[in-house]
C-alpha atoms as a PDB file:
ATOM      1  CA  MET A   1     -56.799   3.704 -26.200  1.00  0.00           C
ATOM      2  CA  ALA A   2     -57.014   0.104 -27.520  1.00  0.00           C
ATOM      3  CA  LYS A   3     -60.345   0.864 -29.157  1.00  0.00           C
ATOM      4  CA  PHE A   4     -58.936   3.941 -30.810  1.00  0.00           C
ATOM      5  CA  LYS A   5     -56.027   1.998 -32.314  1.00  0.00           C
ATOM      6  CA  LEU A   6     -58.326  -0.739 -33.587  1.00  0.00           C
ATOM      7  CA  ASN A   7     -60.545   1.829 -35.311  1.00  0.00           C
ATOM      8  CA  TYR A   8     -57.432   3.453 -36.762  1.00  0.00           C
ATOM      9  CA  ILE A   9     -56.142   0.173 -38.229  1.00  0.00           C
ATOM     10  CA  PHE A  10     -59.489  -0.706 -39.852  1.00  0.00           C
ATOM     11  CA  ARG A  11     -60.330   2.783 -41.113  1.00  0.00           C
ATOM     12  CA  ASN A  12     -61.829   2.915 -44.637  1.00  0.00           C
ATOM     13  CA  TRP A  13     -62.389  -0.858 -44.874  1.00  0.00           C
ATOM     14  CA  SER A  14     -65.198  -2.126 -47.088  1.00  0.00           C
ATOM     15  CA  VAL A  15     -67.879  -4.515 -45.855  1.00  0.00           C
ATOM     16  CA  PHE A  16     -66.380  -7.226 -48.084  1.00  0.00           C
ATOM     17  CA  GLU A  17     -62.906  -6.839 -46.573  1.00  0.00           C
ATOM     18  CA  ILE A  18     -64.124  -6.936 -42.985  1.00  0.00           C
ATOM     19  CA  THR A  19     -66.410  -9.887 -43.721  1.00  0.00           C
ATOM     20  CA  TRP A  20     -63.575 -11.780 -45.433  1.00  0.00           C
ATOM     21  CA  LEU A  21     -61.305 -11.298 -42.440  1.00  0.00           C
ATOM     22  CA  ILE A  22     -63.926 -12.297 -39.861  1.00  0.00           C
ATOM     23  CA  VAL A  23     -65.043 -15.393 -41.811  1.00  0.00           C
ATOM     24  CA  PHE A  24     -61.538 -16.818 -42.149  1.00  0.00           C
ATOM     25  CA  PHE A  25     -60.737 -15.969 -38.536  1.00  0.00           C
ATOM     26  CA  ILE A  26     -63.793 -17.870 -37.289  1.00  0.00           C
ATOM     27  CA  ILE A  27     -63.184 -20.796 -39.646  1.00  0.00           C
ATOM     28  CA  GLY A  28     -59.571 -21.004 -38.475  1.00  0.00           C
ATOM     29  CA  ILE A  29     -60.538 -21.098 -34.799  1.00  0.00           C
ATOM     30  CA  ILE A  30     -63.260 -23.712 -35.333  1.00  0.00           C
ATOM     31  CA  LEU A  31     -61.076 -25.998 -37.446  1.00  0.00           C
ATOM     32  CA  SER A  32     -58.161 -25.603 -35.043  1.00  0.00           C
ATOM     33  CA  VAL A  33     -60.383 -27.130 -32.357  1.00  0.00           C
ATOM     34  CA  VAL A  34     -61.851 -29.807 -34.645  1.00  0.00           C
ATOM     35  CA  TRP A  35     -58.443 -30.829 -36.005  1.00  0.00           C
ATOM     36  CA  GLU A  36     -56.848 -30.468 -32.547  1.00  0.00           C
ATOM     37  CA  SER A  37     -54.123 -28.226 -33.936  1.00  0.00           C
ATOM     38  CA  ASP A  38     -51.412 -27.096 -31.545  1.00  0.00           C
ATOM     39  CA  LEU A  39     -51.475 -23.559 -30.144  1.00  0.00           C
ATOM     40  CA  ILE A  40     -48.457 -22.350 -32.135  1.00  0.00           C
ATOM     41  CA  SER A  41     -50.007 -23.425 -35.453  1.00  0.00           C
ATOM     42  CA  THR A  42     -53.193 -21.575 -34.518  1.00  0.00           C
ATOM     43  CA  ILE A  43     -51.255 -18.423 -33.613  1.00  0.00           C
ATOM     44  CA  ALA A  44     -49.348 -18.643 -36.912  1.00  0.00           C
ATOM     45  CA  PHE A  45     -52.649 -18.939 -38.764  1.00  0.00           C
ATOM     46  CA  ILE A  46     -54.366 -16.000 -37.049  1.00  0.00           C
ATOM     47  CA  THR A  47     -51.434 -13.579 -37.208  1.00  0.00           C
ATOM     48  CA  GLY A  48     -50.721 -14.615 -40.779  1.00  0.00           C
ATOM     49  CA  ILE A  49     -54.270 -13.882 -41.902  1.00  0.00           C
ATOM     50  CA  PHE A  50     -54.266 -10.434 -40.300  1.00  0.00           C
ATOM     51  CA  CYS A  51     -50.826  -9.698 -41.746  1.00  0.00           C
ATOM     52  CA  VAL A  52     -51.583 -10.503 -45.392  1.00  0.00           C
ATOM     53  CA  VAL A  53     -54.981  -8.804 -45.329  1.00  0.00           C
ATOM     54  CA  LEU A  54     -53.358  -5.609 -44.037  1.00  0.00           C
ATOM     55  CA  VAL A  55     -50.663  -5.870 -46.723  1.00  0.00           C
ATOM     56  CA  ALA A  56     -53.382  -6.119 -49.382  1.00  0.00           C
ATOM     57  CA  LYS A  57     -54.833  -2.896 -47.972  1.00  0.00           C
ATOM     58  CA  GLY A  58     -51.402  -1.287 -48.083  1.00  0.00           C
ATOM     59  CA  SER A  59     -51.489  -0.732 -44.321  1.00  0.00           C
ATOM     60  CA  ILE A  60     -48.224  -0.415 -42.424  1.00  0.00           C
ATOM     61  CA  TRP A  61     -49.871  -2.186 -39.483  1.00  0.00           C
ATOM     62  CA  ASN A  62     -49.261  -5.521 -41.264  1.00  0.00           C
ATOM     63  CA  TYR A  63     -45.759  -5.563 -39.814  1.00  0.00           C
ATOM     64  CA  ALA A  64     -47.042  -5.782 -36.233  1.00  0.00           C
ATOM     65  CA  PHE A  65     -48.730  -9.111 -36.995  1.00  0.00           C
ATOM     66  CA  GLY A  66     -45.875 -10.153 -39.279  1.00  0.00           C
ATOM     67  CA  LEU A  67     -43.371 -10.118 -36.417  1.00  0.00           C
ATOM     68  CA  ILE A  68     -45.375 -12.639 -34.412  1.00  0.00           C
ATOM     69  CA  ASN A  69     -46.166 -14.755 -37.462  1.00  0.00           C
ATOM     70  CA  CYS A  70     -42.507 -15.130 -38.426  1.00  0.00           C
ATOM     71  CA  ILE A  71     -41.608 -16.724 -35.098  1.00  0.00           C
ATOM     72  CA  ALA A  72     -44.681 -18.932 -34.810  1.00  0.00           C
ATOM     73  CA  TYR A  73     -44.532 -20.183 -38.388  1.00  0.00           C
ATOM     74  CA  ALA A  74     -40.790 -20.921 -38.141  1.00  0.00           C
ATOM     75  CA  TYR A  75     -41.466 -23.170 -35.133  1.00  0.00           C
ATOM     76  CA  VAL A  76     -44.184 -25.088 -36.987  1.00  0.00           C
ATOM     77  CA  ALA A  77     -41.924 -25.490 -40.035  1.00  0.00           C
ATOM     78  CA  PHE A  78     -39.056 -26.723 -37.845  1.00  0.00           C
ATOM     79  CA  CYS A  79     -41.279 -29.423 -36.359  1.00  0.00           C
ATOM     80  CA  SER A  80     -42.143 -30.535 -39.919  1.00  0.00           C
ATOM     81  CA  LEU A  81     -38.455 -30.566 -41.008  1.00  0.00           C
ATOM     82  CA  LEU A  82     -39.050 -27.806 -43.542  1.00  0.00           C
ATOM     83  CA  TYR A  83     -35.728 -26.131 -42.863  1.00  0.00           C
ATOM     84  CA  GLY A  84     -35.963 -23.807 -45.847  1.00  0.00           C
ATOM     85  CA  GLU A  85     -39.087 -22.275 -44.311  1.00  0.00           C
ATOM     86  CA  VAL A  86     -37.323 -21.978 -40.938  1.00  0.00           C
ATOM     87  CA  ILE A  87     -34.332 -20.194 -42.465  1.00  0.00           C
ATOM     88  CA  LEU A  88     -36.618 -17.954 -44.489  1.00  0.00           C
ATOM     89  CA  ASN A  89     -38.696 -16.803 -41.525  1.00  0.00           C
ATOM     90  CA  LEU A  90     -36.047 -16.367 -38.825  1.00  0.00           C
ATOM     91  CA  LEU A  91     -33.090 -15.097 -40.825  1.00  0.00           C
ATOM     92  CA  TYR A  92     -34.967 -13.129 -43.476  1.00  0.00           C
ATOM     93  CA  TYR A  93     -38.638 -12.377 -42.799  1.00  0.00           C
ATOM     94  CA  LEU A  94     -38.016 -11.345 -39.203  1.00  0.00           C
ATOM     95  CA  PRO A  95     -35.394  -8.623 -39.913  1.00  0.00           C
ATOM     96  CA  MET A  96     -37.306  -7.620 -43.069  1.00  0.00           C
ATOM     97  CA  GLN A  97     -40.248  -6.614 -40.885  1.00  0.00           C
ATOM     98  CA  PHE A  98     -38.161  -3.778 -39.437  1.00  0.00           C
ATOM     99  CA  ILE A  99     -36.797  -2.786 -42.853  1.00  0.00           C
ATOM    100  CA  GLY A 100     -40.332  -2.758 -44.227  1.00  0.00           C
ATOM    101  CA  ILE A 101     -41.559  -0.561 -41.389  1.00  0.00           C
ATOM    102  CA  TYR A 102     -38.788   1.935 -42.123  1.00  0.00           C
ATOM    103  CA  LEU A 103     -39.366   2.022 -45.899  1.00  0.00           C
ATOM    104  CA  TRP A 104     -43.160   2.142 -45.666  1.00  0.00           C
ATOM    105  CA  THR A 105     -43.059   4.894 -43.057  1.00  0.00           C
ATOM    106  CA  ARG A 106     -41.080   7.047 -45.480  1.00  0.00           C
ATOM    107  CA  ASN A 107     -43.541   6.361 -48.305  1.00  0.00           C
ATOM    108  CA  SER A 108     -46.963   6.391 -46.667  1.00  0.00           C
ATOM    109  CA  THR A 109     -49.923   8.750 -46.609  1.00  0.00           C
ATOM    110  CA  ASN A 110     -51.209  10.343 -43.419  1.00  0.00           C
ATOM    111  CA  ASP A 111     -53.523   7.368 -42.746  1.00  0.00           C
ATOM    112  CA  LYS A 112     -50.575   4.902 -42.918  1.00  0.00           C
ATOM    113  CA  ARG A 113     -51.428   3.634 -46.426  1.00  0.00           C
ATOM    114  CA  VAL A 114     -48.376   2.951 -48.578  1.00  0.00           C
ATOM    115  CA  ARG A 115     -47.829   4.525 -52.009  1.00  0.00           C
ATOM    116  CA  MET A 116     -47.772   1.639 -54.541  1.00  0.00           C
ATOM    117  CA  LYS A 117     -45.781   1.312 -57.799  1.00  0.00           C
ATOM    118  CA  GLU A 118     -44.910  -1.197 -60.575  1.00  0.00           C
ATOM    119  CA  LEU A 119     -41.791  -2.661 -62.247  1.00  0.00           C
ATOM    120  CA  THR A 120     -40.692  -1.897 -65.813  1.00  0.00           C
ATOM    121  CA  ARG A 121     -40.658  -4.797 -68.329  1.00  0.00           C
ATOM    122  CA  SER A 122     -36.830  -5.021 -68.341  1.00  0.00           C
ATOM    123  CA  LYS A 123     -36.719  -5.260 -64.564  1.00  0.00           C
ATOM    124  CA  GLN A 124     -39.360  -8.004 -64.636  1.00  0.00           C
ATOM    125  CA  ILE A 125     -37.248 -10.093 -67.038  1.00  0.00           C
ATOM    126  CA  GLY A 126     -34.060  -9.582 -65.031  1.00  0.00           C
ATOM    127  CA  LEU A 127     -35.836 -10.505 -61.815  1.00  0.00           C
ATOM    128  CA  PHE A 128     -37.179 -13.710 -63.394  1.00  0.00           C
ATOM    129  CA  ILE A 129     -33.706 -14.888 -64.496  1.00  0.00           C
ATOM    130  CA  ILE A 130     -32.097 -14.188 -61.123  1.00  0.00           C
ATOM    131  CA  THR A 131     -34.944 -15.969 -59.293  1.00  0.00           C
ATOM    132  CA  ILE A 132     -34.565 -19.176 -61.368  1.00  0.00           C
ATOM    133  CA  ILE A 133     -30.810 -19.303 -60.733  1.00  0.00           C
ATOM    134  CA  CYS A 134     -31.285 -18.834 -56.979  1.00  0.00           C
ATOM    135  CA  ILE A 135     -33.928 -21.584 -56.819  1.00  0.00           C
ATOM    136  CA  VAL A 136     -31.533 -24.129 -58.351  1.00  0.00           C
ATOM    137  CA  LEU A 137     -28.675 -23.155 -56.025  1.00  0.00           C
ATOM    138  CA  PHE A 138     -30.817 -23.123 -52.872  1.00  0.00           C
ATOM    139  CA  GLN A 139     -32.234 -26.567 -53.607  1.00  0.00           C
ATOM    140  CA  GLN A 140     -28.719 -27.986 -53.526  1.00  0.00           C
ATOM    141  CA  LEU A 141     -28.216 -26.440 -50.079  1.00  0.00           C
ATOM    142  CA  LEU A 142     -31.459 -27.989 -48.795  1.00  0.00           C
ATOM    143  CA  ILE A 143     -30.411 -31.398 -50.090  1.00  0.00           C
ATOM    144  CA  MET A 144     -27.168 -31.088 -48.112  1.00  0.00           C
ATOM    145  CA  LEU A 145     -29.149 -30.147 -44.973  1.00  0.00           C
ATOM    146  CA  GLY A 146     -31.439 -33.182 -45.315  1.00  0.00           C
ATOM    147  CA  SER A 147     -34.608 -31.125 -45.767  1.00  0.00           C
ATOM    148  CA  THR A 148     -37.856 -32.693 -47.023  1.00  0.00           C
ATOM    149  CA  TYR A 149     -39.549 -31.737 -50.326  1.00  0.00           C
ATOM    150  CA  THR A 150     -36.454 -29.806 -51.429  1.00  0.00           C
ATOM    151  CA  GLY A 151     -37.907 -28.820 -54.810  1.00  0.00           C
ATOM    152  CA  LEU A 152     -41.055 -27.282 -53.382  1.00  0.00           C
ATOM    153  CA  ASP A 153     -39.214 -25.868 -50.370  1.00  0.00           C
ATOM    154  CA  SER A 154     -36.567 -24.152 -52.511  1.00  0.00           C
ATOM    155  CA  ILE A 155     -39.159 -22.566 -54.811  1.00  0.00           C
ATOM    156  CA  THR A 156     -41.293 -21.206 -51.975  1.00  0.00           C
ATOM    157  CA  THR A 157     -38.240 -19.946 -50.094  1.00  0.00           C
ATOM    158  CA  VAL A 158     -36.527 -18.131 -52.967  1.00  0.00           C
ATOM    159  CA  VAL A 159     -39.708 -16.719 -54.501  1.00  0.00           C
ATOM    160  CA  SER A 160     -40.775 -15.563 -51.032  1.00  0.00           C
ATOM    161  CA  VAL A 161     -37.464 -13.749 -50.575  1.00  0.00           C
ATOM    162  CA  VAL A 162     -37.948 -11.911 -53.861  1.00  0.00           C
ATOM    163  CA  ALA A 163     -41.605 -11.173 -53.097  1.00  0.00           C
ATOM    164  CA  GLN A 164     -40.729  -9.774 -49.666  1.00  0.00           C
ATOM    165  CA  ILE A 165     -38.181  -7.429 -51.238  1.00  0.00           C
ATOM    166  CA  LEU A 166     -40.806  -6.220 -53.704  1.00  0.00           C
ATOM    167  CA  LEU A 167     -43.203  -5.806 -50.768  1.00  0.00           C
ATOM    168  CA  ALA A 168     -40.763  -3.611 -48.853  1.00  0.00           C
ATOM    169  CA  LEU A 169     -40.060  -1.607 -52.026  1.00  0.00           C
ATOM    170  CA  ARG A 170     -43.832  -1.255 -52.661  1.00  0.00           C
ATOM    171  CA  TYR A 171     -44.089  -3.011 -56.047  1.00  0.00           C
ATOM    172  CA  LYS A 172     -47.425  -4.531 -57.081  1.00  0.00           C
ATOM    173  CA  GLU A 173     -45.690  -7.493 -58.809  1.00  0.00           C
ATOM    174  CA  GLN A 174     -45.059  -9.003 -55.400  1.00  0.00           C
ATOM    175  CA  TRP A 175     -48.621 -10.387 -55.501  1.00  0.00           C
ATOM    176  CA  LEU A 176     -47.970 -12.501 -58.596  1.00  0.00           C
ATOM    177  CA  LEU A 177     -45.067 -14.104 -56.760  1.00  0.00           C
ATOM    178  CA  TRP A 178     -47.144 -14.588 -53.611  1.00  0.00           C
ATOM    179  CA  ILE A 179     -49.744 -16.440 -55.682  1.00  0.00           C
ATOM    180  CA  ILE A 180     -47.033 -18.888 -56.817  1.00  0.00           C
ATOM    181  CA  VAL A 181     -45.762 -19.294 -53.263  1.00  0.00           C
ATOM    182  CA  ASN A 182     -49.258 -19.842 -51.914  1.00  0.00           C
ATOM    183  CA  ILE A 183     -50.132 -22.575 -54.420  1.00  0.00           C
ATOM    184  CA  ILE A 184     -46.906 -24.489 -53.811  1.00  0.00           C
ATOM    185  CA  SER A 185     -47.195 -24.037 -50.037  1.00  0.00           C
ATOM    186  CA  ILE A 186     -50.687 -25.548 -50.103  1.00  0.00           C
ATOM    187  CA  ILE A 187     -49.239 -28.612 -51.838  1.00  0.00           C
ATOM    188  CA  MET A 188     -46.259 -28.772 -49.471  1.00  0.00           C
ATOM    189  CA  TRP A 189     -48.296 -28.573 -46.257  1.00  0.00           C
ATOM    190  CA  THR A 190     -50.808 -31.070 -47.636  1.00  0.00           C
ATOM    191  CA  LEU A 191     -47.933 -33.515 -48.078  1.00  0.00           C
ATOM    192  CA  ALA A 192     -46.661 -32.606 -44.592  1.00  0.00           C
ATOM    193  CA  GLY A 193     -50.107 -33.400 -43.133  1.00  0.00           C
ATOM    194  CA  ASN A 194     -50.822 -30.093 -41.358  1.00  0.00           C
ATOM    195  CA  PRO A 195     -54.421 -29.065 -42.261  1.00  0.00           C
ATOM    196  CA  ILE A 196     -54.395 -25.740 -40.383  1.00  0.00           C
ATOM    197  CA  MET A 197     -51.355 -24.649 -42.417  1.00  0.00           C
ATOM    198  CA  VAL A 198     -53.155 -25.746 -45.611  1.00  0.00           C
ATOM    199  CA  LEU A 199     -56.100 -23.557 -44.619  1.00  0.00           C
ATOM    200  CA  MET A 200     -53.791 -20.633 -43.841  1.00  0.00           C
ATOM    201  CA  TRP A 201     -52.095 -20.786 -47.248  1.00  0.00           C
ATOM    202  CA  THR A 202     -55.462 -21.175 -48.967  1.00  0.00           C
ATOM    203  CA  ALA A 203     -56.580 -17.958 -47.276  1.00  0.00           C
ATOM    204  CA  TYR A 204     -53.299 -16.354 -48.371  1.00  0.00           C
ATOM    205  CA  LEU A 205     -53.990 -17.389 -51.970  1.00  0.00           C
ATOM    206  CA  ILE A 206     -57.434 -15.775 -51.984  1.00  0.00           C
ATOM    207  CA  ASN A 207     -56.000 -12.666 -50.377  1.00  0.00           C
ATOM    208  CA  ALA A 208     -53.127 -12.500 -52.895  1.00  0.00           C
ATOM    209  CA  ALA A 209     -55.607 -12.365 -55.781  1.00  0.00           C
ATOM    210  CA  TYR A 210     -57.422  -9.491 -54.079  1.00  0.00           C
ATOM    211  CA  GLY A 211     -54.102  -7.876 -53.152  1.00  0.00           C
ATOM    212  CA  TYR A 212     -52.989  -7.770 -56.786  1.00  0.00           C
ATOM    213  CA  TYR A 213     -56.310  -6.241 -57.791  1.00  0.00           C
ATOM    214  CA  ASN A 214     -56.065  -3.580 -55.087  1.00  0.00           C
ATOM    215  CA  TRP A 215     -52.372  -2.777 -55.666  1.00  0.00           C
ATOM    216  CA  ASN A 216     -52.824  -2.677 -59.436  1.00  0.00           C
ATOM    217  CA  LYS A 217     -55.319   0.144 -58.941  1.00  0.00           C
ATOM    218  CA  GLY A 218     -53.072   1.828 -56.376  1.00  0.00           C
ATOM    219  CA  ALA A 219     -50.003   1.690 -58.642  1.00  0.00           C
ATOM    220  CA  LYS A 220     -51.891   3.322 -61.517  1.00  0.00           C
ATOM    221  CA  LEU A 221     -52.950   6.176 -59.242  1.00  0.00           C
ATOM    222  CA  ASN A 222     -49.302   6.881 -58.355  1.00  0.00           C
ATOM    223  CA  VAL A 223     -47.977   6.910 -61.940  1.00  0.00           C
END
C-alpha cells in the first residue's frame, strides 16, 4: 500500500524534478550532521522541501508535508525569537493547510493536479497596495512584542500570508511573492545564525523560480 501511494504522488515527474528533490534531500541530511543541527530543524527542512516541490507540481499532496512543516518550523522560529514567523505558521499556515486541501480537491484533475489560473492587472495593483499597508501595520505589532529583525520579519510574514491565499486560490502570481519571501528569509536566517534554515530557504528560492515557470504554463492552458 505504501509503495502504491508513493508511486501515485510522484506520477508523471521528470528526471530533473526527481533529481532536484533527491539532491537537496541528501545535501540537507549531510549538512544537518556536519552543522550538528537539531532534529526539529532537520524535520522542518525535509518536510519543507517536499512541500514546496509538490506545490510547484500542482500536487495536492503538498499539504500532507505542509502540516508537519508548519509545526516544526514554528518551533525553530520561536527558539530564534522570530515571533512573526511563529504567529504565521501556527495561527495561519496550519489552518490554511485544511482550507487548501478543500479548495484544491474541488479544483483538481483525476491525478490530483490542481487547475492553475492568473490574476488580472487591476487585481495585481490592488493586492500590492493592500500588502504594503499590512506590512507597515504588522511591523508596529512586532516592535511591541519585542521581536527581532522586525522589518524583515514583517515583510516575510505579510507577503507569506498573501502568497498562501493565492496558493489556496490557485493563482500563479503566488510564486513571485514566494521569491520575495525566500530572498528575505535567507537574509533573516543568516543573521539569526541557523545554516540549515538558510539552506532550506535557498532550496525554496530555486523551487519558486521553477514553480512560476511551471504554473505560468499551467495557467495558460486553463485560460
